[in-house]
Protein backbone atom coordinates (compact mmCIF):
# COMPACT_ATOMS: atom_id res chain seq x y z
CA MET A 1 121.14 80.46 19.81
CA GLU A 2 120.54 77.47 22.59
CA VAL A 3 120.64 78.28 25.82
CA LEU A 4 122.28 75.60 28.05
CA TYR A 5 121.70 75.44 31.66
CA PRO A 6 121.94 72.85 34.50
CA PRO A 7 119.76 70.94 36.08
CA ASP A 8 118.63 72.75 39.87
CA VAL A 9 118.29 69.54 42.64
CA GLN A 10 116.38 70.49 45.81
CA ARG A 11 118.43 71.19 48.76
CA LEU A 12 118.39 67.84 50.89
CA GLN A 13 118.11 68.48 54.65
CA ASN A 14 120.38 66.96 57.61
CA GLN A 15 119.10 63.64 58.52
CA THR A 16 120.27 61.43 61.54
CA VAL A 17 120.02 57.35 61.41
CA LEU A 18 120.90 54.95 63.54
CA LEU A 19 123.55 52.62 63.26
CA ASN A 20 122.65 49.49 61.20
CA ASN A 21 119.29 51.18 60.47
CA SER A 22 118.23 52.22 57.06
CA LEU A 23 117.95 55.64 55.59
CA THR A 24 116.03 56.71 52.11
CA VAL A 25 117.18 59.64 50.48
CA VAL A 26 115.68 61.28 47.19
CA CYS A 27 116.56 63.51 44.51
CA ASN A 28 113.88 65.63 43.22
CA LEU A 29 114.66 68.03 40.35
CA THR A 30 113.01 71.42 40.43
CA ARG A 31 114.45 72.68 36.99
CA VAL A 32 115.25 69.78 34.18
CA GLY A 33 118.21 71.53 32.33
CA ASN A 34 118.64 72.06 28.58
CA PRO A 35 120.72 69.46 27.41
CA PRO A 36 118.74 67.50 29.92
CA ALA A 37 120.63 65.30 32.77
CA SER A 38 121.20 61.68 31.57
CA ASN A 39 123.64 60.59 34.59
CA TYR A 40 123.05 61.59 37.91
CA SER A 41 125.76 60.57 40.47
CA TRP A 42 125.44 60.56 44.55
CA ILE A 43 128.61 62.69 46.42
CA ARG A 44 129.20 62.40 49.93
CA LYS A 45 130.20 66.06 51.09
CA ASP A 46 131.23 64.83 54.66
CA ILE A 47 131.25 61.77 56.67
CA GLY A 48 129.19 63.24 59.61
CA ARG A 49 127.88 60.85 62.02
CA VAL A 50 126.41 57.72 62.96
CA MET A 51 124.28 57.28 65.59
CA ASP A 52 123.80 54.26 67.66
CA GLY A 53 121.11 54.29 70.47
CA ALA A 54 122.72 52.87 73.81
CA TYR A 55 122.20 48.88 74.96
CA VAL A 56 123.84 47.39 77.79
CA ARG A 57 126.53 44.87 77.10
CA GLU A 58 126.99 43.47 80.03
CA PHE A 59 125.55 43.84 83.58
CA LYS A 60 128.00 41.23 86.01
CA SER A 61 129.73 40.84 89.52
CA ASN A 62 132.69 38.48 90.22
CA GLN A 63 132.39 37.06 86.27
CA SER A 64 129.44 35.54 86.73
CA HIS A 65 126.39 36.99 84.12
CA ASN A 66 123.25 36.72 85.66
CA SER A 67 123.18 35.75 89.24
CA ILE A 68 125.11 35.07 92.32
CA ALA A 69 124.83 33.55 95.66
CA VAL A 70 127.31 34.90 98.48
CA ASN A 71 127.45 34.54 101.83
CA GLN A 72 126.06 37.36 104.62
CA GLY A 73 128.93 39.55 104.92
CA GLU A 74 130.60 39.32 101.49
CA THR A 75 131.45 42.39 99.13
CA VAL A 76 129.84 42.09 95.61
CA ASP A 77 130.68 44.17 93.14
CA LEU A 78 128.32 45.21 90.94
CA LEU A 79 129.59 46.44 86.92
CA CYS A 80 127.35 47.98 84.31
CA VAL A 81 129.18 47.64 80.52
CA ALA A 82 126.88 49.85 77.85
CA ASP A 83 127.52 51.79 75.07
CA GLY A 84 125.80 54.40 72.35
CA ASP A 85 126.10 57.63 70.58
CA PRO A 86 125.80 59.69 72.26
CA GLU A 87 127.00 58.35 75.25
CA PRO A 88 124.09 56.90 78.10
CA VAL A 89 123.32 56.96 80.82
CA LEU A 90 123.83 54.07 83.11
CA ARG A 91 121.47 53.28 86.20
CA VAL A 92 121.92 50.05 88.61
CA MET A 93 119.08 49.95 90.05
CA ASN A 94 117.41 48.03 92.78
CA THR A 95 114.34 46.03 91.14
CA THR A 96 113.28 43.85 93.81
CA ARG A 97 109.59 43.09 94.06
CA GLY A 98 108.83 45.72 91.10
CA ASN A 99 110.38 48.91 93.42
CA GLU A 100 112.83 50.65 91.05
CA SER A 101 115.55 52.00 93.98
CA ILE A 102 118.04 53.81 91.86
CA LEU A 103 121.61 52.80 93.03
CA ILE A 104 123.91 54.61 91.10
CA GLU A 105 123.51 56.96 87.81
CA ILE A 106 126.13 58.35 85.95
CA LYS A 107 126.69 59.66 82.40
CA GLY A 108 129.53 57.23 80.69
CA ARG A 109 130.29 53.40 79.53
CA GLU A 110 130.70 51.71 82.79
CA ALA A 111 128.63 52.11 85.79
CA LYS A 112 130.43 50.21 88.89
CA TYR A 113 128.31 49.73 92.78
CA ARG A 114 129.56 48.20 95.72
CA ILE A 115 127.44 46.19 98.00
CA GLN A 116 129.74 46.37 101.30
CA GLN A 117 129.21 43.68 103.88
CA ALA A 118 125.97 42.60 102.03
CA GLN A 119 122.70 41.77 104.00
CA CYS A 120 120.61 38.93 103.17
CA GLU A 121 117.56 40.76 104.30
CA TYR A 122 118.02 43.81 102.26
CA ASP A 123 120.25 43.25 99.78
CA THR A 124 118.94 39.50 97.93
CA GLY A 125 116.87 40.35 94.93
CA ASN A 126 117.19 41.75 91.46
CA TYR A 127 119.01 44.13 90.36
CA THR A 128 119.14 45.94 86.61
CA CYS A 129 121.24 47.85 84.67
CA LEU A 130 119.70 50.44 82.36
CA ALA A 131 121.25 52.31 79.65
CA ASP A 132 119.58 55.06 78.08
CA ASN A 133 120.03 58.20 75.36
CA ARG A 134 117.79 60.14 73.44
CA TYR A 135 117.74 57.15 70.72
CA ASN A 136 116.20 54.21 73.00
CA GLU A 137 117.37 52.51 76.32
CA GLY A 138 118.42 49.02 76.79
CA ARG A 139 118.35 46.70 80.22
CA GLN A 140 119.64 43.54 82.01
CA LEU A 141 118.52 41.44 85.01
CA PHE A 142 120.66 40.76 87.62
CA ALA A 143 119.94 38.71 90.63
CA LEU A 144 121.28 38.25 93.58
CA LEU A 145 120.85 35.85 96.41
CA VAL A 146 122.60 36.69 99.98
CA TYR A 147 122.87 33.54 102.26
CA CYS A 148 121.78 34.41 106.05
CA LYS A 149 124.25 33.55 108.91
CA CYS A 150 122.90 30.99 111.43
CA ILE A 151 122.64 32.32 115.11
CA LEU A 152 122.75 29.00 117.57
CA LEU A 153 121.60 29.77 120.89
CA ASN A 154 121.63 28.17 124.27
């Protein structure tokens, strides 16, 4: 009498893969089986989630994407749009002369920061939008130039 039995496959562990990255999975047999199997098939048990590192889609002000020049006293709206899974934490920062001053920090896909009555002495400089989740961080820069008002003395 010949005893028939199926092969035993080592159980696979859950793994996380970032979107657009590859994943190699090895199927290890702990017992070949009788008769030995000649065909193996992969079956997807559940869909699961595909993770995606954080990145900044756009960082702009008044439809300008890299820089903008305004007159002193004008309002400047900075808009940072980002994506990622899990949802990223967004920071809009003033990064003038190497300092990183956080102006706003939120968890989400969009951060808005308004500079009311822009001042040439304080608001001219470099701004950074940073999107961060547990997989990576993305950032984009924006330059703001505020023209000073001239005061004429008699």
